[in-house]
Amino acid sequence: MYIRENGKTVFTSKVCAGRKRPANYEKRYEYYKKTRNWRDKPDDWETPNMYGEISYLVLNPTWNVPTSIMREDIATKVNNDSSYLESRNFKVYVGDTLQIDLAEFDINQLYVDTIPYKIVQDPGAGNALGKIKFMFYNPFGIYLHDTPTRRPFSYSDRAVSHGCVRVEKPLKLAEFLLEDHPKWNIDFLKIEIGQRVKDKSKIAEYNRKRNSLRRYSKDEKTTELVLSQKMPLYIDYYTVWVDENGVTNFRKDVYNRDDTLMEHLLH
């Protein structure tokens, strides 16, 4: 990930993007279109190319688990560990508002055509989205976010997510986005997400202003921070490019798009 300002790179961070499709994706998807049975639908976690504008941050976010992840990830983990939901601070709802006791959770309901449950992970250190989400409108439900899982950033192939983009340096990114914000600064943000701030005067100032800062908050833990200026964001896919030093870079074609591109170029 790069941020360019006045022709110069002012921020870089490793990211983790979506997993590649299975090798037989096209064939399996054609079969799924005939059956319309969710069991026949192949995984499609690839992060799409898109343009958007980061307009707000969510601090201490909850995670509303998508249906596909309920079936393909949560179900397996609950089968292996009956205490998984409780130990990871998940709540289960029937509909949008009726919370049920986890002892009443029926894992078999994750395999029906229309799952009756809504599964939500509370904010906290173990939340799958970490402490910060970077939100921008797009039709795919994609966003950038922090993560408690740090090891994949050391991989050369970081196509490991369910489609959203994990950012290695979320605090540095947030600091850049808040550079000219009239109310928020990086110290206030750190305090809000439970990180240590050395300057005690900043803590006192934050405490005085907290109600005003949290005017968009929906509950006591989660805070929406609206940016004073939207940040353009391009998510693109390159296997070859020339960097600002004139060096040609080559990367693995993780999503197997080069062959398709060459076909279009040659015909």
Protein backbone atom coordinates (compact mmCIF):
# COMPACT_ATOMS: atom_id res chain seq x y z
CA MET A 1 0.00 0.00 0.00
CA TYR A 2 1.31 3.44 -0.95
CA ILE A 3 0.17 7.00 -0.37
CA ARG A 4 1.46 9.50 -2.91
CA GLU A 5 1.45 13.24 -2.23
CA ASN A 6 2.82 15.82 -4.67
CA GLY A 7 4.56 13.10 -6.64
CA LYS A 8 6.29 11.57 -3.61
CA THR A 9 5.57 8.42 -1.61
CA VAL A 10 4.76 9.55 1.94
CA PHE A 11 3.41 6.29 3.39
CA THR A 12 3.93 2.59 2.75
CA SER A 13 2.50 -0.48 4.44
CA LYS A 14 2.25 -4.15 3.71
CA VAL A 15 -1.31 -5.41 3.26
CA CYS A 16 -3.05 -8.78 3.14
CA ALA A 17 -5.65 -9.22 0.39
CA GLY A 18 -8.22 -11.89 -0.47
CA ARG A 19 -7.38 -15.52 -1.15
CA LYS A 20 -7.25 -16.67 -4.74
CA ARG A 21 -10.13 -18.64 -6.26
CA PRO A 22 -9.85 -22.44 -6.51
CA ALA A 23 -8.32 -23.75 -9.73
CA ASN A 24 -11.64 -25.14 -10.98
CA TYR A 25 -13.63 -22.02 -10.06
CA GLU A 26 -15.24 -21.35 -13.46
CA LYS A 27 -16.48 -24.92 -13.88
CA ARG A 28 -17.83 -25.08 -10.35
CA TYR A 29 -19.53 -21.68 -10.69
CA GLU A 30 -21.29 -22.77 -13.88
CA TYR A 31 -22.59 -25.80 -12.01
CA TYR A 32 -23.71 -23.59 -9.11
CA LYS A 33 -25.70 -21.39 -11.52
CA LYS A 34 -27.69 -24.46 -12.48
CA THR A 35 -28.34 -25.80 -8.99
CA ARG A 36 -28.47 -22.52 -7.01
CA ASN A 37 -27.49 -24.60 -3.98
CA TRP A 38 -25.08 -22.76 -1.67
CA ARG A 39 -23.17 -26.01 -1.11
CA ASP A 40 -22.16 -25.96 -4.78
CA LYS A 41 -20.95 -22.36 -4.77
CA PRO A 42 -17.13 -22.12 -5.00
CA ASP A 43 -15.19 -19.75 -2.77
CA ASP A 44 -14.56 -16.31 -4.22
CA TRP A 45 -12.48 -14.28 -1.78
CA GLU A 46 -10.39 -12.36 -4.32
CA THR A 47 -10.19 -8.65 -3.56
CA PRO A 48 -11.68 -6.82 -6.57
CA ASN A 49 -10.12 -3.86 -8.34
CA MET A 50 -11.98 -0.68 -7.44
CA TYR A 51 -11.91 3.02 -6.67
CA GLY A 52 -13.34 4.56 -3.54
CA GLU A 53 -12.88 7.39 -1.06
CA ILE A 54 -12.08 6.70 2.59
CA SER A 55 -14.63 8.85 4.39
CA TYR A 56 -14.66 7.67 8.00
CA LEU A 57 -12.99 5.35 10.50
CA VAL A 58 -14.63 2.96 12.93
CA LEU A 59 -12.74 2.63 16.22
CA ASN A 60 -13.20 -0.49 18.35
CA PRO A 61 -15.42 -2.06 15.67
CA THR A 62 -17.76 -4.98 16.05
CA TRP A 63 -17.59 -7.70 13.40
CA ASN A 64 -20.82 -8.84 11.78
CA VAL A 65 -19.86 -12.26 10.44
CA PRO A 66 -20.91 -12.79 6.79
CA THR A 67 -23.02 -15.84 5.99
CA SER A 68 -20.27 -17.42 3.90
CA ILE A 69 -17.77 -17.17 6.77
CA MET A 70 -20.32 -18.60 9.20
CA ARG A 71 -20.57 -21.72 7.06
CA GLU A 72 -16.96 -22.14 6.00
CA ASP A 73 -15.07 -20.92 9.06
CA ILE A 74 -17.19 -20.46 12.17
CA ALA A 75 -18.96 -23.81 11.79
CA THR A 76 -15.67 -25.71 11.59
CA LYS A 77 -14.24 -23.92 14.62
CA VAL A 78 -17.36 -24.50 16.73
CA ASN A 79 -17.32 -28.19 15.75
CA ASN A 80 -13.72 -28.41 16.95
CA ASP A 81 -14.25 -26.33 20.09
CA SER A 82 -17.70 -25.93 21.63
CA SER A 83 -16.49 -22.91 23.64
CA TYR A 84 -15.19 -21.08 20.57
CA LEU A 85 -17.96 -18.46 20.35
CA GLU A 86 -17.80 -17.58 24.04
CA SER A 87 -14.00 -17.50 24.23
CA ARG A 88 -13.81 -15.17 21.19
CA ASN A 89 -16.53 -12.82 22.50
CA PHE A 90 -19.19 -13.59 19.91
CA LYS A 91 -22.88 -12.94 20.44
CA VAL A 92 -25.64 -14.72 18.52
CA TYR A 93 -28.93 -13.10 17.56
CA VAL A 94 -32.11 -14.42 16.01
CA GLY A 95 -33.03 -11.70 13.57
CA ASP A 96 -31.31 -8.39 14.29
CA THR A 97 -32.06 -7.80 17.95
CA LEU A 98 -33.05 -10.96 19.88
CA GLN A 99 -29.88 -12.23 21.55
CA ILE A 100 -29.89 -15.90 22.51
CA ASP A 101 -27.85 -17.79 25.08
CA LEU A 102 -24.87 -19.47 23.43
CA ALA A 103 -26.02 -22.75 24.97
CA GLU A 104 -29.07 -22.52 22.69
CA PHE A 105 -26.97 -22.05 19.55
CA ASP A 106 -27.70 -24.84 17.04
CA ILE A 107 -24.76 -25.33 14.69
CA ASN A 108 -26.96 -27.26 12.27
CA GLN A 109 -28.73 -24.00 11.46
CA LEU A 110 -25.55 -22.81 9.72
CA TYR A 111 -26.15 -25.41 7.01
CA VAL A 112 -29.71 -24.46 6.05
CA ASP A 113 -30.44 -22.31 2.99
CA THR A 114 -31.40 -19.25 5.06
CA ILE A 115 -29.43 -18.99 8.29
CA PRO A 116 -31.66 -17.60 11.08
CA TYR A 117 -28.72 -16.27 13.07
CA LYS A 118 -26.74 -13.06 13.12
CA ILE A 119 -23.30 -13.59 14.68
CA VAL A 120 -21.46 -10.53 16.01
CA GLN A 121 -18.02 -10.32 17.60
CA ASP A 122 -17.68 -7.69 20.32
CA PRO A 123 -14.97 -5.00 20.16
CA GLY A 124 -11.71 -5.91 21.85
CA ALA A 125 -8.15 -7.11 21.41
CA GLY A 126 -9.18 -10.38 19.74
CA ASN A 127 -11.70 -8.87 17.33
CA ALA A 128 -11.00 -10.06 13.78
CA LEU A 129 -11.01 -6.44 12.53
CA GLY A 130 -8.57 -5.23 15.17
CA LYS A 131 -9.08 -1.73 16.58
CA ILE A 132 -9.66 0.34 13.41
CA LYS A 133 -11.71 0.03 10.20
CA PHE A 134 -11.17 2.40 7.28
CA MET A 135 -14.47 2.78 5.47
CA PHE A 136 -15.21 3.70 1.86
CA TYR A 137 -18.36 3.15 -0.17
CA ASN A 138 -18.23 0.28 -2.68
CA PRO A 139 -20.69 -2.35 -3.91
CA PHE A 140 -18.58 -5.26 -2.62
CA GLY A 141 -18.66 -4.57 1.13
CA ILE A 142 -14.85 -4.25 1.16
CA TYR A 143 -12.94 -2.12 3.68
CA LEU A 144 -9.42 -1.75 5.08
CA HIS A 145 -8.83 -2.81 8.66
CA ASP A 146 -6.42 -3.56 11.46
CA THR A 147 -5.92 -7.20 12.51
CA PRO A 148 -4.74 -9.10 15.60
CA THR A 149 -3.17 -11.71 13.29
CA ARG A 150 0.26 -10.30 12.48
CA ARG A 151 2.18 -13.30 11.11
CA PRO A 152 0.84 -13.17 7.50
CA PHE A 153 2.53 -9.80 7.00
CA SER A 154 5.84 -11.68 6.98
CA TYR A 155 4.70 -13.87 4.06
CA SER A 156 5.74 -13.12 0.49
CA ASP A 157 2.26 -14.24 -0.64
CA ARG A 158 -0.23 -12.33 1.49
CA ALA A 159 -3.43 -13.35 -0.30
CA VAL A 160 -4.90 -14.80 2.89
CA SER A 161 -8.08 -12.84 3.76
CA HIS A 162 -11.78 -13.24 2.95
CA GLY A 163 -11.65 -10.25 0.60
CA CYS A 164 -11.14 -7.23 2.84
CA VAL A 165 -7.70 -5.65 3.09
CA ARG A 166 -5.67 -5.99 6.29
CA VAL A 167 -3.23 -3.14 6.92
CA GLU A 168 0.07 -3.74 8.71
CA LYS A 169 0.38 -0.12 9.92
CA PRO A 170 -3.16 1.02 10.76
CA LEU A 171 -2.05 3.64 13.29
CA LYS A 172 0.35 5.25 10.83
CA LEU A 173 -2.39 5.31 8.20
CA ALA A 174 -4.84 6.83 10.68
CA GLU A 175 -2.27 9.44 11.69
CA PHE A 176 -1.88 10.51 8.07
CA LEU A 177 -5.65 10.71 7.55
CA LEU A 178 -6.08 12.83 10.71
CA GLU A 179 -3.28 15.25 9.85
CA ASP A 180 -5.59 18.25 9.29
CA HIS A 181 -8.64 17.11 11.28
CA PRO A 182 -10.16 20.00 13.28
CA LYS A 183 -11.13 17.82 16.28
CA TRP A 184 -9.33 14.49 16.25
CA ASN A 185 -5.62 13.71 16.40
CA ILE A 186 -3.62 10.50 16.71
CA ASP A 187 -3.32 10.84 20.51
CA PHE A 188 -7.11 11.06 20.92
CA LEU A 189 -7.49 8.04 18.63
CA LYS A 190 -4.97 6.03 20.66
CA ILE A 191 -6.79 6.85 23.88
CA GLU A 192 -10.11 5.85 22.32
CA ILE A 193 -8.78 2.41 21.29
CA GLY A 194 -7.06 1.81 24.63
CA GLN A 195 -3.45 2.52 23.71
CA ARG A 196 -1.00 4.33 25.93
CA VAL A 197 -0.34 8.05 25.47
CA LYS A 198 2.63 9.60 27.30
CA ASP A 199 1.43 13.21 27.25
CA LYS A 200 -0.95 13.53 30.23
CA SER A 201 -2.22 16.87 28.96
CA LYS A 202 -3.59 15.06 25.89
CA ILE A 203 -5.44 12.63 28.15
CA ALA A 204 -6.99 15.50 30.12
CA GLU A 205 -7.94 17.31 26.91
CA TYR A 206 -9.49 14.13 25.49
CA ASN A 207 -11.56 13.60 28.64
CA ARG A 208 -12.94 17.14 28.35
CA LYS A 209 -13.85 16.69 24.70
CA ARG A 210 -14.93 13.04 24.65
CA ASN A 211 -18.67 13.63 24.35
CA SER A 212 -18.17 15.97 21.41
CA LEU A 213 -15.68 13.62 19.74
CA ARG A 214 -18.06 10.68 20.04
CA ARG A 215 -21.14 12.44 18.65
CA TYR A 216 -21.46 9.81 15.87
CA SER A 217 -21.02 6.86 18.24
CA LYS A 218 -23.68 4.18 18.36
CA ASP A 219 -22.69 2.68 21.71
CA GLU A 220 -20.19 3.12 24.53
CA LYS A 221 -17.41 1.08 22.90
CA THR A 222 -17.56 1.73 19.16
CA THR A 223 -16.83 5.18 17.72
CA GLU A 224 -17.31 6.51 14.19
CA LEU A 225 -14.75 9.14 13.25
CA VAL A 226 -15.77 11.15 10.19
CA LEU A 227 -12.79 12.51 8.25
CA SER A 228 -12.66 16.21 7.45
CA GLN A 229 -11.51 15.34 3.94
CA LYS A 230 -12.07 12.12 1.99
CA MET A 231 -9.02 10.19 0.83
CA PRO A 232 -9.09 8.72 -2.72
CA LEU A 233 -8.29 5.00 -2.73
CA TYR A 234 -7.40 2.80 -5.68
CA ILE A 235 -7.24 -0.95 -5.25
CA ASP A 236 -5.44 -2.34 -8.29
CA TYR A 237 -3.58 -5.49 -9.32
CA TYR A 238 -0.09 -5.46 -10.83
CA THR A 239 2.42 -8.23 -11.42
CA VAL A 240 4.96 -5.96 -13.13
CA TRP A 241 5.64 -2.26 -12.58
CA VAL A 242 8.44 0.30 -12.57
CA ASP A 243 8.94 2.05 -9.24
CA GLU A 244 9.91 5.68 -8.60
CA ASN A 245 13.61 4.72 -8.72
CA GLY A 246 13.25 3.26 -12.22
CA VAL A 247 13.53 -0.33 -11.00
CA THR A 248 11.30 -2.93 -12.69
CA ASN A 249 9.46 -5.03 -10.11
CA PHE A 250 8.05 -8.51 -10.73
CA ARG A 251 5.56 -10.30 -8.52
CA LYS A 252 3.78 -13.65 -8.54
CA ASP A 253 0.50 -13.68 -10.47
CA VAL A 254 -1.50 -14.81 -7.44
CA TYR A 255 -4.93 -14.39 -9.06
CA ASN A 256 -3.84 -15.91 -12.41
CA ARG A 257 -4.89 -12.82 -14.36
CA ASP A 258 -1.86 -12.43 -16.64
CA ASP A 259 -2.96 -15.12 -19.10
CA THR A 260 -6.39 -13.50 -19.45
CA LEU A 261 -4.77 -10.10 -19.99
CA MET A 262 -2.43 -11.50 -22.65
CA GLU A 263 -5.36 -13.10 -24.48
CA HIS A 264 -7.09 -9.72 -24.69
CA LEU A 265 -3.90 -7.99 -25.82
CA LEU A 266 -3.15 -10.54 -28.55
CA HIS A 267 -6.65 -10.89 -30.00
